[in-house]
Structure formats: structure tokens, C-alpha cells
Amino acid sequence: MNQKATKKSLTIFGKSNYIWMLVGAGLIIAGMLLMAGGKSADPNVFNENEVYSFRRITLAPIVMIIGFLVEIYALFKKS
């Protein structure tokens, strides 16, 4: 009897699901890295343009939301 025919696969996700999960995790990490920083060398000086920049306020959250949407897609994608 063929062993491959009798052996059932117990994996929940396929290879493509894991690839999509890695892509989503990479986007979430990239969003976190885009949000990081903004520390001033002098603690008495507040640099508003650096803290509230386009990269930290707009771009990073959009990248993270796309990452979470990719993760949801990876979870529900049929393998």
C-alpha cells in the first residue's frame, strides 16, 4: 500500500499562507521602524517637525494597517 496515500496532512496552512504571513509581519515591522525615532539631543528642545513628520504620523500607520490586512488575508486564504 502506498504510504503517501494513507498519510493525511495535518497542517492547517499551506506554504503560500506562511509566505503571506511573513510578508504581513515584515510590513508591520517596517511600520514600527518608520515610527521609531524623533529623540532630540537636547531634552529642553522640542522639535515639532521631527516628531509630527509625515513619515511618523501618516506613512507608518498606513504601512502597519496594510500589514495587518495582509495577515488577515493569509489566515483566511484557502491553501
N, C-alpha and C. Protein backbone atom coordinates (compact mmCIF):
# COMPACT_ATOMS: atom_id res chain seq x y z
N MET A 1 0.83 -1.17 0.00
CA MET A 1 0.00 0.00 0.00
C MET A 1 0.89 1.25 0.00
N ASN A 2 0.46 2.26 -0.71
CA ASN A 2 1.23 3.48 -0.82
C ASN A 2 1.11 4.29 0.48
N GLN A 3 2.27 4.63 1.06
CA GLN A 3 2.27 5.35 2.32
C GLN A 3 1.77 6.78 2.16
N LYS A 4 2.05 7.39 1.02
CA LYS A 4 1.61 8.76 0.79
C LYS A 4 0.09 8.85 0.70
N ALA A 5 -0.54 7.84 0.19
CA ALA A 5 -1.99 7.86 0.04
C ALA A 5 -2.69 7.72 1.39
N THR A 6 -2.10 6.97 2.31
CA THR A 6 -2.74 6.75 3.61
C THR A 6 -2.41 7.85 4.61
N LYS A 7 -1.32 8.56 4.41
CA LYS A 7 -0.91 9.61 5.34
C LYS A 7 -1.71 10.89 5.06
N LYS A 8 -2.40 11.38 6.08
CA LYS A 8 -3.17 12.61 5.93
C LYS A 8 -2.33 13.79 6.40
N SER A 9 -2.51 14.91 5.73
CA SER A 9 -1.80 16.12 6.10
C SER A 9 -2.51 16.79 7.27
N LEU A 10 -1.75 17.11 8.31
CA LEU A 10 -2.32 17.73 9.49
C LEU A 10 -2.01 19.23 9.55
N THR A 11 -1.41 19.76 8.52
CA THR A 11 -1.08 21.18 8.55
C THR A 11 -2.33 22.01 8.29
N ILE A 12 -2.45 23.09 9.02
CA ILE A 12 -3.60 23.97 8.87
C ILE A 12 -3.42 24.89 7.67
N PHE A 13 -2.20 25.41 7.51
CA PHE A 13 -1.91 26.36 6.45
C PHE A 13 -0.96 25.75 5.44
N GLY A 14 -1.05 26.24 4.22
CA GLY A 14 -0.14 25.81 3.18
C GLY A 14 1.08 26.72 3.12
N LYS A 15 1.96 26.43 2.19
CA LYS A 15 3.19 27.21 2.05
C LYS A 15 2.89 28.66 1.68
N SER A 16 1.91 28.88 0.83
CA SER A 16 1.60 30.26 0.42
C SER A 16 1.04 31.06 1.59
N ASN A 17 0.29 30.40 2.49
CA ASN A 17 -0.21 31.10 3.67
C ASN A 17 0.95 31.61 4.53
N TYR A 18 1.95 30.77 4.73
CA TYR A 18 3.10 31.17 5.54
C TYR A 18 3.89 32.29 4.87
N ILE A 19 3.98 32.25 3.57
CA ILE A 19 4.68 33.33 2.86
C ILE A 19 3.93 34.64 3.04
N TRP A 20 2.60 34.61 2.92
CA TRP A 20 1.81 35.82 3.13
C TRP A 20 1.93 36.31 4.56
N MET A 21 1.99 35.39 5.52
CA MET A 21 2.16 35.78 6.92
C MET A 21 3.50 36.48 7.14
N LEU A 22 4.54 35.98 6.51
CA LEU A 22 5.85 36.62 6.63
C LEU A 22 5.86 38.00 6.00
N VAL A 23 5.18 38.14 4.86
CA VAL A 23 5.08 39.46 4.21
C VAL A 23 4.34 40.43 5.12
N GLY A 24 3.24 39.99 5.71
CA GLY A 24 2.47 40.84 6.63
C GLY A 24 3.28 41.23 7.85
N ALA A 25 4.00 40.27 8.42
CA ALA A 25 4.84 40.57 9.59
C ALA A 25 5.94 41.55 9.22
N GLY A 26 6.50 41.39 8.02
CA GLY A 26 7.53 42.33 7.56
C GLY A 26 7.00 43.74 7.41
N LEU A 27 5.77 43.87 6.91
CA LEU A 27 5.16 45.19 6.77
C LEU A 27 4.87 45.81 8.15
N ILE A 28 4.43 45.01 9.09
CA ILE A 28 4.17 45.52 10.44
C ILE A 28 5.47 46.00 11.08
N ILE A 29 6.52 45.22 10.94
CA ILE A 29 7.83 45.60 11.50
C ILE A 29 8.35 46.86 10.80
N ALA A 30 8.16 46.95 9.48
CA ALA A 30 8.60 48.14 8.75
C ALA A 30 7.84 49.38 9.24
N GLY A 31 6.55 49.24 9.52
CA GLY A 31 5.78 50.35 10.05
C GLY A 31 6.27 50.78 11.42
N MET A 32 6.62 49.82 12.26
CA MET A 32 7.17 50.16 13.57
C MET A 32 8.50 50.89 13.45
N LEU A 33 9.34 50.43 12.53
CA LEU A 33 10.63 51.09 12.33
C LEU A 33 10.46 52.49 11.77
N LEU A 34 9.46 52.68 10.90
CA LEU A 34 9.20 54.02 10.38
C LEU A 34 8.72 54.97 11.48
N MET A 35 8.04 54.43 12.48
CA MET A 35 7.53 55.25 13.58
C MET A 35 8.60 55.58 14.61
N ALA A 36 9.66 54.81 14.65
CA ALA A 36 10.69 54.97 15.68
C ALA A 36 11.49 56.25 15.48
N GLY A 37 12.11 56.68 16.54
CA GLY A 37 12.99 57.85 16.47
C GLY A 37 12.32 59.10 16.96
N GLY A 38 12.91 60.25 16.60
CA GLY A 38 12.36 61.53 16.99
C GLY A 38 12.93 62.08 18.27
N LYS A 39 13.95 61.41 18.81
CA LYS A 39 14.55 61.88 20.06
C LYS A 39 15.46 63.07 19.78
N SER A 40 15.34 64.07 20.61
CA SER A 40 16.16 65.26 20.47
C SER A 40 17.44 65.10 21.27
N ALA A 41 18.53 65.69 20.78
CA ALA A 41 19.80 65.63 21.50
C ALA A 41 19.71 66.43 22.80
N ASP A 42 18.97 67.52 22.77
CA ASP A 42 18.78 68.36 23.95
C ASP A 42 17.37 68.13 24.49
N PRO A 43 17.22 67.65 25.72
CA PRO A 43 15.88 67.37 26.24
C PRO A 43 15.02 68.61 26.46
N ASN A 44 15.63 69.78 26.44
CA ASN A 44 14.88 71.02 26.64
C ASN A 44 14.31 71.58 25.35
N VAL A 45 14.66 70.97 24.22
CA VAL A 45 14.20 71.45 22.92
C VAL A 45 13.22 70.44 22.34
N PHE A 46 12.05 70.91 21.93
CA PHE A 46 11.04 70.05 21.31
C PHE A 46 10.98 70.38 19.83
N ASN A 47 11.37 69.41 18.99
CA ASN A 47 11.36 69.60 17.55
C ASN A 47 10.04 69.04 17.00
N GLU A 48 9.09 69.92 16.81
CA GLU A 48 7.75 69.51 16.37
C GLU A 48 7.76 68.91 14.97
N ASN A 49 8.61 69.44 14.09
CA ASN A 49 8.65 68.93 12.71
C ASN A 49 9.17 67.50 12.64
N GLU A 50 10.03 67.12 13.56
CA GLU A 50 10.57 65.76 13.54
C GLU A 50 9.60 64.76 14.18
N VAL A 51 8.98 65.15 15.27
CA VAL A 51 8.05 64.25 15.97
C VAL A 51 6.78 64.05 15.16
N TYR A 52 6.25 65.12 14.61
CA TYR A 52 4.99 65.06 13.87
C TYR A 52 5.23 65.09 12.36
N SER A 53 6.19 64.34 11.90
CA SER A 53 6.50 64.31 10.47
C SER A 53 5.52 63.40 9.72
N PHE A 54 5.48 63.55 8.41
CA PHE A 54 4.61 62.73 7.55
C PHE A 54 4.92 61.24 7.73
N ARG A 55 6.19 60.93 7.87
CA ARG A 55 6.61 59.53 7.98
C ARG A 55 6.03 58.89 9.24
N ARG A 56 6.06 59.60 10.36
CA ARG A 56 5.60 59.02 11.63
C ARG A 56 4.10 59.07 11.82
N ILE A 57 3.45 60.11 11.32
CA ILE A 57 2.03 60.30 11.57
C ILE A 57 1.15 59.65 10.50
N THR A 58 1.61 59.60 9.26
CA THR A 58 0.78 59.10 8.17
C THR A 58 1.30 57.81 7.56
N LEU A 59 2.55 57.81 7.13
CA LEU A 59 3.09 56.66 6.40
C LEU A 59 3.19 55.40 7.25
N ALA A 60 3.74 55.52 8.44
CA ALA A 60 3.93 54.34 9.30
C ALA A 60 2.61 53.65 9.66
N PRO A 61 1.58 54.39 10.09
CA PRO A 61 0.31 53.70 10.38
C PRO A 61 -0.33 53.05 9.15
N ILE A 62 -0.19 53.68 7.98
CA ILE A 62 -0.74 53.08 6.76
C ILE A 62 -0.02 51.77 6.44
N VAL A 63 1.30 51.76 6.57
CA VAL A 63 2.08 50.53 6.31
C VAL A 63 1.69 49.44 7.30
N MET A 64 1.48 49.81 8.56
CA MET A 64 1.09 48.82 9.56
C MET A 64 -0.31 48.27 9.30
N ILE A 65 -1.24 49.13 8.92
CA ILE A 65 -2.60 48.66 8.62
C ILE A 65 -2.58 47.72 7.42
N ILE A 66 -1.79 48.04 6.40
CA ILE A 66 -1.66 47.13 5.25
C ILE A 66 -1.08 45.81 5.71
N GLY A 67 -0.11 45.84 6.62
CA GLY A 67 0.46 44.60 7.16
C GLY A 67 -0.58 43.76 7.89
N PHE A 68 -1.43 44.41 8.69
CA PHE A 68 -2.48 43.66 9.38
C PHE A 68 -3.51 43.09 8.40
N LEU A 69 -3.82 43.83 7.34
CA LEU A 69 -4.75 43.32 6.33
C LEU A 69 -4.15 42.12 5.60
N VAL A 70 -2.86 42.16 5.33
CA VAL A 70 -2.19 41.02 4.69
C VAL A 70 -2.23 39.81 5.63
N GLU A 71 -2.04 40.04 6.93
CA GLU A 71 -2.12 38.94 7.90
C GLU A 71 -3.53 38.31 7.91
N ILE A 72 -4.55 39.14 7.88
CA ILE A 72 -5.92 38.62 7.84
C ILE A 72 -6.15 37.81 6.56
N TYR A 73 -5.64 38.33 5.44
CA TYR A 73 -5.75 37.59 4.17
C TYR A 73 -5.04 36.25 4.26
N ALA A 74 -3.86 36.23 4.87
CA ALA A 74 -3.09 34.99 4.99
C ALA A 74 -3.82 33.97 5.85
N LEU A 75 -4.53 34.42 6.86
CA LEU A 75 -5.24 33.50 7.74
C LEU A 75 -6.45 32.88 7.06
N PHE A 76 -7.14 33.67 6.24
CA PHE A 76 -8.39 33.18 5.64
C PHE A 76 -8.22 32.59 4.25
N LYS A 77 -7.01 32.71 3.67
CA LYS A 77 -6.77 32.18 2.32
C LYS A 77 -6.80 30.65 2.36
N LYS A 78 -7.53 30.06 1.43
CA LYS A 78 -7.57 28.61 1.34
C LYS A 78 -6.28 28.12 0.69
N SER A 79 -5.69 27.11 1.30
CA SER A 79 -4.44 26.57 0.76
C SER A 79 -4.68 25.48 -0.26
